[in-house]
N, C-alpha and C. Protein backbone atom coordinates (compact mmCIF):
# COMPACT_ATOMS: atom_id res chain seq x y z
N UNK A 1 5.75 -14.79 -51.60
CA UNK A 1 5.94 -14.29 -52.15
C UNK A 1 6.08 -15.02 -53.43
N UNK A 2 5.73 -14.66 -54.82
CA UNK A 2 5.59 -15.42 -55.75
C UNK A 2 6.41 -14.95 -56.73
N UNK A 3 7.42 -16.03 -57.12
CA UNK A 3 8.48 -15.13 -58.93
C UNK A 3 8.16 -14.09 -59.55
N UNK A 4 6.76 -13.69 -59.60
CA UNK A 4 6.49 -13.59 -60.27
C UNK A 4 6.10 -11.79 -59.92
N UNK A 5 6.01 -11.68 -58.29
CA UNK A 5 6.36 -10.66 -58.01
C UNK A 5 7.27 -9.73 -57.71
N UNK A 6 8.02 -10.55 -57.37
CA UNK A 6 9.80 -10.01 -57.50
C UNK A 6 9.86 -9.09 -58.13
N UNK A 7 10.48 -7.97 -57.27
CA UNK A 7 10.98 -6.64 -57.97
C UNK A 7 9.01 -5.35 -57.81
N UNK A 8 8.10 -5.95 -57.55
CA UNK A 8 6.94 -5.21 -57.41
C UNK A 8 7.71 -4.29 -56.25
N UNK A 9 7.62 -2.65 -56.62
CA UNK A 9 7.89 -1.93 -55.47
C UNK A 9 6.47 -0.86 -55.47
N UNK A 10 5.99 -0.27 -53.86
CA UNK A 10 5.52 0.58 -53.74
C UNK A 10 6.55 1.85 -53.36
N UNK A 11 6.45 3.22 -54.06
CA UNK A 11 7.44 4.31 -54.22
C UNK A 11 6.32 5.09 -53.71
N UNK A 12 6.47 5.77 -52.00
CA UNK A 12 5.27 6.89 -51.61
C UNK A 12 6.61 7.79 -51.56
N UNK A 13 5.72 8.97 -51.44
CA UNK A 13 6.56 10.22 -51.69
C UNK A 13 5.89 11.17 -50.72
N UNK A 14 6.08 12.12 -50.03
CA UNK A 14 5.37 13.16 -49.49
C UNK A 14 6.03 14.37 -49.59
N UNK A 15 5.58 14.98 -50.55
CA UNK A 15 6.34 16.30 -51.28
C UNK A 15 5.51 17.28 -50.92
N UNK A 16 6.23 18.85 -51.09
CA UNK A 16 5.58 19.97 -51.24
C UNK A 16 4.65 20.28 -52.29
N UNK A 17 3.50 20.78 -52.06
CA UNK A 17 2.57 20.68 -53.23
C UNK A 17 3.00 21.77 -54.51
N UNK A 18 3.60 22.46 -54.22
CA UNK A 18 4.51 23.35 -55.65
C UNK A 18 5.50 22.40 -56.46
N UNK A 19 6.05 21.56 -55.92
CA UNK A 19 6.40 20.40 -56.61
C UNK A 19 6.08 19.42 -57.29
N UNK A 20 4.78 19.50 -57.11
CA UNK A 20 4.21 18.40 -57.97
C UNK A 20 4.30 17.71 -59.53
N UNK A 21 4.84 19.77 -59.96
CA UNK A 21 4.64 19.26 -61.70
C UNK A 21 5.72 19.14 -62.00
N UNK A 22 6.83 19.41 -61.02
CA UNK A 22 8.55 19.09 -61.47
C UNK A 22 8.10 17.46 -61.61
N UNK A 23 7.51 17.37 -60.46
CA UNK A 23 7.91 15.76 -59.82
C UNK A 23 6.87 14.23 -60.81
N UNK A 24 5.89 15.10 -61.65
CA UNK A 24 5.23 14.45 -62.07
C UNK A 24 6.12 14.51 -63.61
N UNK A 25 6.05 15.08 -64.19
CA UNK A 25 7.03 15.62 -65.27
C UNK A 25 8.46 14.18 -65.40
N UNK A 26 9.19 14.83 -63.68
CA UNK A 26 10.31 13.71 -63.90
C UNK A 26 9.67 12.14 -63.77
N UNK A 27 8.57 11.91 -63.21
CA UNK A 27 8.60 10.47 -63.64
C UNK A 27 8.16 10.18 -64.51
N UNK A 28 7.32 10.47 -65.29
CA UNK A 28 7.10 10.00 -67.06
C UNK A 28 8.60 9.87 -67.59
N UNK A 29 9.73 10.75 -67.53
CA UNK A 29 10.92 11.13 -68.10
C UNK A 29 11.26 9.59 -67.48
N UNK A 30 11.57 8.84 -66.13
CA UNK A 30 12.36 8.39 -65.61
C UNK A 30 11.65 6.56 -65.93
N UNK A 31 10.32 6.97 -66.83
CA UNK A 31 9.72 5.48 -67.51
C UNK A 31 8.52 5.26 -66.21
N UNK A 32 8.22 5.77 -65.63
CA UNK A 32 7.11 5.86 -64.19
C UNK A 32 6.23 6.81 -64.49
N UNK A 33 4.93 7.16 -65.65
CA UNK A 33 4.39 8.35 -65.33
C UNK A 33 2.36 7.31 -65.09
N UNK A 34 2.39 6.84 -64.16
CA UNK A 34 1.43 6.36 -63.75
C UNK A 34 1.57 6.12 -61.87
N UNK A 35 0.57 6.98 -61.72
CA UNK A 35 0.42 7.73 -60.11
C UNK A 35 -0.65 8.01 -59.51
N UNK A 36 -0.62 7.79 -58.51
CA UNK A 36 -1.43 8.29 -57.67
C UNK A 36 -1.19 9.38 -56.40
N UNK A 37 -2.24 10.47 -56.45
CA UNK A 37 -1.85 12.32 -55.60
C UNK A 37 -3.15 12.26 -54.45
N UNK A 38 -2.55 12.10 -53.39
CA UNK A 38 -3.15 12.73 -52.08
C UNK A 38 -2.69 13.89 -52.04
N UNK A 39 -4.18 14.72 -51.36
CA UNK A 39 -3.53 15.83 -50.83
C UNK A 39 -3.88 15.80 -49.28
N UNK A 40 -2.71 15.90 -48.37
CA UNK A 40 -2.48 15.41 -47.30
C UNK A 40 -1.66 16.90 -46.38
N UNK A 41 -2.05 16.68 -44.99
CA UNK A 41 -1.50 17.63 -43.99
C UNK A 41 -0.22 16.92 -43.19
N UNK A 42 0.92 17.53 -42.62
CA UNK A 42 1.80 16.78 -41.61
C UNK A 42 3.03 17.50 -41.19
N UNK A 43 3.42 16.84 -40.45
CA UNK A 43 3.86 17.78 -39.38
C UNK A 43 5.90 16.79 -39.60
N UNK A 44 7.22 17.79 -39.42
CA UNK A 44 8.51 17.08 -39.36
C UNK A 44 9.02 17.93 -38.84
N UNK A 45 9.83 17.67 -39.38
CA UNK A 45 10.99 18.84 -39.28
C UNK A 45 11.09 20.70 -39.72
N UNK A 46 10.14 20.47 -40.34
CA UNK A 46 9.59 21.92 -41.12
C UNK A 46 8.57 22.95 -39.65
N UNK A 47 9.76 23.94 -39.52
CA UNK A 47 8.83 24.75 -38.35
C UNK A 47 7.31 25.21 -38.14
N UNK A 48 7.29 25.39 -37.11
CA UNK A 48 6.04 25.51 -37.42
C UNK A 48 5.86 27.13 -37.38
N UNK A 49 4.37 27.58 -38.14
CA UNK A 49 4.24 28.97 -38.73
C UNK A 49 2.83 29.63 -37.93
N UNK A 50 3.50 30.66 -37.11
CA UNK A 50 2.64 31.85 -36.27
C UNK A 50 2.04 32.75 -36.86
N UNK A 51 0.61 33.16 -36.90
CA UNK A 51 0.06 34.02 -37.60
C UNK A 51 -1.35 34.46 -36.86
N UNK A 52 -1.91 35.60 -36.99
CA UNK A 52 -3.27 36.40 -36.51
C UNK A 52 -4.49 36.40 -37.58
N UNK A 53 -4.93 36.30 -36.96
CA UNK A 53 -6.77 36.30 -37.84
C UNK A 53 -7.63 36.67 -36.73
N UNK A 54 -7.82 38.13 -37.15
CA UNK A 54 -9.24 38.36 -36.32
C UNK A 54 -8.55 38.82 -34.95
N UNK A 55 -7.35 39.44 -35.07
CA UNK A 55 -6.85 39.68 -33.29
C UNK A 55 -5.95 38.31 -32.52
N UNK A 56 -6.51 37.18 -33.33
CA UNK A 56 -6.09 35.86 -32.20
C UNK A 56 -5.15 35.17 -32.77
N UNK A 57 -4.33 34.90 -32.23
CA UNK A 57 -2.50 34.69 -32.52
C UNK A 57 -2.73 33.16 -32.79
N UNK A 58 -2.27 32.48 -33.50
CA UNK A 58 -2.83 30.73 -33.67
C UNK A 58 -1.62 30.22 -34.30
N UNK A 59 -1.12 29.19 -33.87
CA UNK A 59 0.09 28.30 -34.66
C UNK A 59 -0.52 27.09 -35.72
N UNK A 60 0.25 27.27 -36.79
CA UNK A 60 0.07 25.92 -37.70
C UNK A 60 1.23 25.24 -38.03
N UNK A 61 0.82 24.37 -37.16
CA UNK A 61 2.24 22.94 -37.20
C UNK A 61 2.08 22.11 -38.48
N UNK A 62 0.66 21.97 -38.20
CA UNK A 62 0.31 21.05 -39.59
C UNK A 62 0.66 21.39 -41.06
N UNK A 63 1.07 21.30 -41.98
CA UNK A 63 1.74 21.42 -43.01
C UNK A 63 1.29 20.82 -44.09
N UNK A 64 0.83 21.55 -45.52
CA UNK A 64 -0.01 21.17 -46.27
C UNK A 64 1.42 20.30 -47.54
N UNK A 65 0.72 19.02 -47.61
CA UNK A 65 1.77 18.39 -48.26
C UNK A 65 1.00 17.50 -49.64
N UNK A 66 1.46 16.91 -50.43
CA UNK A 66 0.92 16.13 -51.34
C UNK A 66 1.97 14.61 -51.22
N UNK A 67 1.02 13.33 -51.11
CA UNK A 67 1.85 12.49 -50.84
C UNK A 67 1.52 11.80 -52.30
N UNK A 68 2.22 11.09 -53.01
CA UNK A 68 2.60 10.36 -54.37
C UNK A 68 2.61 9.05 -54.29
N UNK A 69 2.12 8.27 -54.66
CA UNK A 69 1.99 6.94 -55.04
C UNK A 69 2.19 6.58 -55.89
N UNK A 70 3.37 5.28 -56.16
CA UNK A 70 3.61 4.87 -57.51
C UNK A 70 4.26 3.50 -57.31
N UNK A 71 3.67 2.40 -58.27
CA UNK A 71 4.20 1.13 -58.40
C UNK A 71 4.72 1.04 -59.29
N UNK A 72 5.42 0.19 -59.41
CA UNK A 72 6.69 -0.04 -60.56
C UNK A 72 7.49 -1.45 -60.43
N UNK A 73 7.64 -1.71 -61.73
CA UNK A 73 7.99 -3.37 -61.82
C UNK A 73 8.55 -3.49 -62.66
N UNK A 74 9.07 -2.78 -64.08
CA UNK A 74 10.35 -3.09 -65.25
C UNK A 74 11.07 -1.69 -64.85
N UNK A 75 10.35 -0.68 -64.27
CA UNK A 75 11.31 0.27 -63.90
C UNK A 75 12.19 0.58 -62.55
N UNK A 76 13.46 0.27 -62.47
CA UNK A 76 14.32 -0.26 -61.38
C UNK A 76 13.46 1.35 -60.14
N UNK A 77 13.48 0.93 -58.78
CA UNK A 77 12.77 1.87 -57.90
C UNK A 77 13.90 2.65 -57.70
N UNK A 78 15.33 2.26 -57.58
CA UNK A 78 16.17 3.42 -57.68
C UNK A 78 16.12 4.76 -58.74
N UNK A 79 15.69 4.23 -59.70
CA UNK A 79 15.59 5.61 -60.49
C UNK A 79 14.41 6.28 -60.50
N UNK A 80 13.03 5.90 -59.77
CA UNK A 80 12.06 6.61 -59.90
C UNK A 80 12.51 7.15 -58.24
N UNK A 81 13.28 6.93 -57.39
CA UNK A 81 13.58 7.51 -56.46
C UNK A 81 14.20 8.55 -56.50
N UNK A 82 15.21 8.77 -57.69
CA UNK A 82 16.25 9.63 -57.84
C UNK A 82 15.42 10.77 -58.45
N UNK A 83 14.45 10.45 -59.35
CA UNK A 83 13.75 11.27 -59.80
C UNK A 83 13.33 11.45 -59.47
N UNK A 84 12.28 11.45 -58.27
CA UNK A 84 11.24 12.12 -56.91
C UNK A 84 12.50 13.35 -56.12
N UNK A 85 13.79 12.56 -55.78
CA UNK A 85 14.45 13.54 -54.93
C UNK A 85 15.01 15.36 -55.71
N UNK A 86 15.64 14.54 -57.34
CA UNK A 86 15.74 15.83 -57.85
C UNK A 86 15.13 16.59 -58.24
N UNK A 87 13.17 15.97 -58.24
CA UNK A 87 12.68 16.91 -59.32
C UNK A 87 11.66 17.77 -57.81
N UNK A 88 12.31 17.48 -56.65
CA UNK A 88 11.33 17.55 -55.03
C UNK A 88 12.09 18.67 -54.61
N UNK A 89 13.25 18.74 -54.69
CA UNK A 89 14.49 18.92 -53.84
C UNK A 89 14.50 20.94 -53.90
N UNK A 90 14.42 21.48 -52.82
CA UNK A 90 14.59 22.74 -52.64
C UNK A 90 15.71 23.27 -51.81
N UNK A 91 16.15 22.48 -51.11
CA UNK A 91 17.26 22.47 -49.77
C UNK A 91 16.88 23.04 -48.37
N UNK A 92 15.28 23.55 -48.54
CA UNK A 92 14.68 23.85 -47.37
C UNK A 92 14.36 22.51 -46.54
N UNK A 93 13.91 22.63 -45.44
CA UNK A 93 13.38 21.76 -44.00
C UNK A 93 11.58 21.97 -44.93
N UNK A 94 11.07 20.26 -45.01
CA UNK A 94 10.01 20.19 -45.27
C UNK A 94 9.82 20.09 -46.87
N UNK A 95 11.01 19.85 -47.38
CA UNK A 95 10.94 19.19 -48.94
C UNK A 95 10.20 17.75 -48.61
N UNK A 96 10.50 17.14 -47.61
CA UNK A 96 9.24 15.75 -47.59
C UNK A 96 10.28 14.18 -47.45
N UNK A 97 10.05 13.01 -47.98
CA UNK A 97 10.47 11.98 -47.86
C UNK A 97 10.37 11.07 -48.74
N UNK A 98 10.78 10.09 -49.08
CA UNK A 98 10.38 9.36 -50.18
C UNK A 98 10.80 7.73 -49.64
N UNK A 99 9.59 6.99 -49.40
CA UNK A 99 9.68 5.79 -48.87
C UNK A 99 9.47 4.73 -49.92
N UNK A 100 9.87 3.37 -49.88
CA UNK A 100 10.04 2.23 -50.74
C UNK A 100 9.64 0.65 -49.97
N UNK A 101 8.72 0.32 -50.80
CA UNK A 101 8.19 -0.58 -50.03
C UNK A 101 8.06 -2.06 -50.69
N UNK A 102 7.90 -3.07 -50.69
CA UNK A 102 7.34 -4.10 -51.56
C UNK A 102 6.26 -4.57 -51.66
N UNK A 103 5.82 -4.66 -52.78
CA UNK A 103 4.64 -5.24 -53.08
C UNK A 103 4.54 -6.63 -53.61
N UNK A 104 4.01 -6.82 -51.70
CA UNK A 104 3.19 -8.98 -51.86
C UNK A 104 3.07 -9.16 -53.45
N UNK A 105 1.41 -8.45 -53.48
CA UNK A 105 1.01 -9.01 -54.14
C UNK A 105 0.03 -7.90 -55.18
N UNK A 106 -0.48 -7.75 -56.30
CA UNK A 106 -1.13 -6.98 -57.00
C UNK A 106 -1.99 -7.81 -58.52
N UNK A 107 -3.23 -7.50 -58.37
CA UNK A 107 -4.02 -7.73 -59.43
C UNK A 107 -4.79 -6.54 -60.21
N UNK A 108 -4.91 -6.65 -61.14
CA UNK A 108 -5.75 -5.80 -62.61
C UNK A 108 -7.02 -6.00 -62.09
N UNK A 109 -7.63 -5.33 -61.59
CA UNK A 109 -9.80 -5.03 -61.96
C UNK A 109 -10.23 -5.17 -62.74
N UNK A 110 -9.43 -5.24 -64.22
CA UNK A 110 -10.59 -4.91 -65.19
C UNK A 110 -10.44 -5.96 -65.94
N UNK A 111 -9.20 -6.62 -65.86
CA UNK A 111 -8.41 -7.85 -66.36
C UNK A 111 -7.86 -9.35 -65.86
N UNK A 112 -8.35 -9.10 -64.11
CA UNK A 112 -7.87 -10.26 -63.53
C UNK A 112 -6.68 -10.36 -63.80
N UNK A 113 -5.40 -9.98 -64.38
CA UNK A 113 -4.53 -9.96 -64.20
C UNK A 113 -3.47 -10.10 -62.59
N UNK A 114 -2.55 -10.56 -62.80
CA UNK A 114 -1.82 -11.11 -60.89
C UNK A 114 -0.03 -10.33 -61.80
N UNK A 115 0.36 -9.92 -60.31
CA UNK A 115 1.48 -10.04 -60.13
C UNK A 115 2.62 -9.12 -61.70
N UNK A 116 3.46 -9.13 -61.96
CA UNK A 116 3.97 -8.12 -62.93
C UNK A 116 3.19 -7.34 -63.89
N UNK A 117 2.65 -8.09 -64.69
CA UNK A 117 1.25 -8.25 -65.93
C UNK A 117 0.36 -6.87 -65.71
N UNK A 118 -0.20 -7.23 -63.76
CA UNK A 118 -0.77 -6.35 -63.33
C UNK A 118 -0.51 -4.76 -63.53
N UNK A 119 0.85 -4.48 -63.27
CA UNK A 119 1.28 -3.56 -63.07
C UNK A 119 1.27 -2.37 -64.28
């Protein structure tokens, strides 16, 4: 990894969909407004829900979540993680998780810039 790529981090969070607006606002305030959002399903410690449809009982154990990916170079990753955790917190099971990973390389497609300037 080149010195130019030191400090580039990918922050990935899986949160409740209803907390997305709060997290977007918190990321903008933390200096990390660029993000990618994907609708996902998953299961963890959040309990399964039982339901009934047309007389048949079913179990929902895959819950709808939102995955947020944010790459930062100049903003400290810890500040971004703190912003996400604070904005997404409800105190209940199923609030989500945040992962931080180093980025080996980054290239901006339009300009061809590499490393931190690409982020």
